[in-house]
Protein backbone atom coordinates (compact mmCIF):
# COMPACT_ATOMS: atom_id res chain seq x y z
CA ILE A 1 0.21 0.36 -0.19
CA SER A 2 1.51 3.55 -0.68
CA ALA A 3 -1.88 5.71 -0.68
CA ILE A 4 -4.79 5.85 0.79
CA SER A 5 -8.08 8.28 1.10
CA LEU A 6 -11.54 7.99 2.94
CA ASN A 7 -14.26 9.57 1.87
CA ASN A 8 -16.34 12.36 3.64
CA LYS A 9 -19.02 9.72 4.97
CA SER A 10 -15.84 7.29 5.53
CA ASP A 11 -18.08 4.33 3.71
CA ARG A 12 -15.53 4.23 1.00
CA LEU A 13 -11.67 3.53 1.11
CA LEU A 14 -9.19 4.15 -1.74
CA VAL A 15 -6.01 2.61 -1.65
CA GLY A 16 -2.77 2.69 -4.17
CA ASN A 17 -0.34 0.38 -4.57
CA ALA A 18 3.22 0.37 -5.77
CA LEU A 19 2.25 -1.55 -8.80
CA GLY A 20 0.06 0.99 -9.80
CA TYR A 21 -3.45 -0.51 -9.01
CA ILE A 22 -6.33 1.59 -7.33
CA PHE A 23 -9.06 -0.51 -5.05
CA MET A 24 -11.78 1.02 -3.78
CA PHE A 25 -13.61 -0.80 -0.56
CA ASP A 26 -16.84 -0.45 1.49
CA THR A 27 -15.60 0.44 5.00
CA VAL A 28 -19.03 -1.61 6.31
CA ASN A 29 -18.60 -4.69 5.10
CA GLY A 30 -14.88 -5.14 3.81
CA LYS A 31 -15.49 -6.08 0.18
CA CYS A 32 -13.74 -4.90 -2.86
CA LEU A 33 -15.85 -2.76 -4.63
CA ARG A 34 -13.84 -2.22 -7.73
CA LYS A 35 -10.10 -2.56 -8.76
CA ILE A 36 -8.77 0.32 -11.18
CA THR A 37 -6.04 -1.11 -13.33
CA GLU A 38 -6.76 1.21 -16.40
CA ALA A 39 -6.42 4.79 -15.26
CA HIS A 40 -2.71 5.63 -15.53
CA PRO A 41 0.36 3.63 -17.26
CA THR A 42 0.63 0.65 -15.49
CA GLY A 43 4.06 0.00 -13.34
CA SER A 44 3.87 3.45 -11.59
CA PRO A 45 3.31 3.31 -7.99
CA ILE A 46 0.24 5.94 -6.58
CA LEU A 47 1.80 8.59 -4.36
CA ASN A 48 -1.49 10.28 -3.73
CA LEU A 49 -5.19 9.76 -3.41
CA LYS A 50 -7.90 12.01 -2.84
CA PHE A 51 -11.74 11.81 -2.38
CA THR A 52 -12.93 15.27 -3.72
CA ASP A 53 -16.28 16.51 -2.63
CA ASP A 54 -18.01 14.90 -5.63
CA PRO A 55 -18.33 11.64 -4.36
CA THR A 56 -18.02 10.50 -8.26
CA LEU A 57 -14.79 11.84 -8.79
CA ALA A 58 -11.19 11.20 -6.98
CA VAL A 59 -7.67 12.28 -7.92
CA PHE A 60 -4.33 10.70 -7.44
CA SER A 61 -0.30 10.95 -8.82
CA ASP A 62 2.31 8.95 -9.60
CA SER A 63 6.12 8.28 -9.15
CA GLY A 64 5.90 9.93 -12.86
CA GLY A 65 4.87 13.02 -11.67
CA SER A 66 1.14 12.79 -13.25
CA VAL A 67 -1.79 14.00 -11.61
CA PHE A 68 -5.34 12.06 -13.02
CA MET A 69 -8.84 12.19 -12.15
């Protein structure tokens, strides 16, 4: 795990890893809701993750210096 972020309601958790994947978990039951593998170039570790005030939008940056929404 290289980055994590909770949403405003604390019912969703985003987890980024060193392989560049992002996972979304339901914090109530612990289930993985999504595995995001194609949001940026594969192999670039996720360094920062942040939910925005819009519950359908998150931003993240990778080790290549790029920022994605």
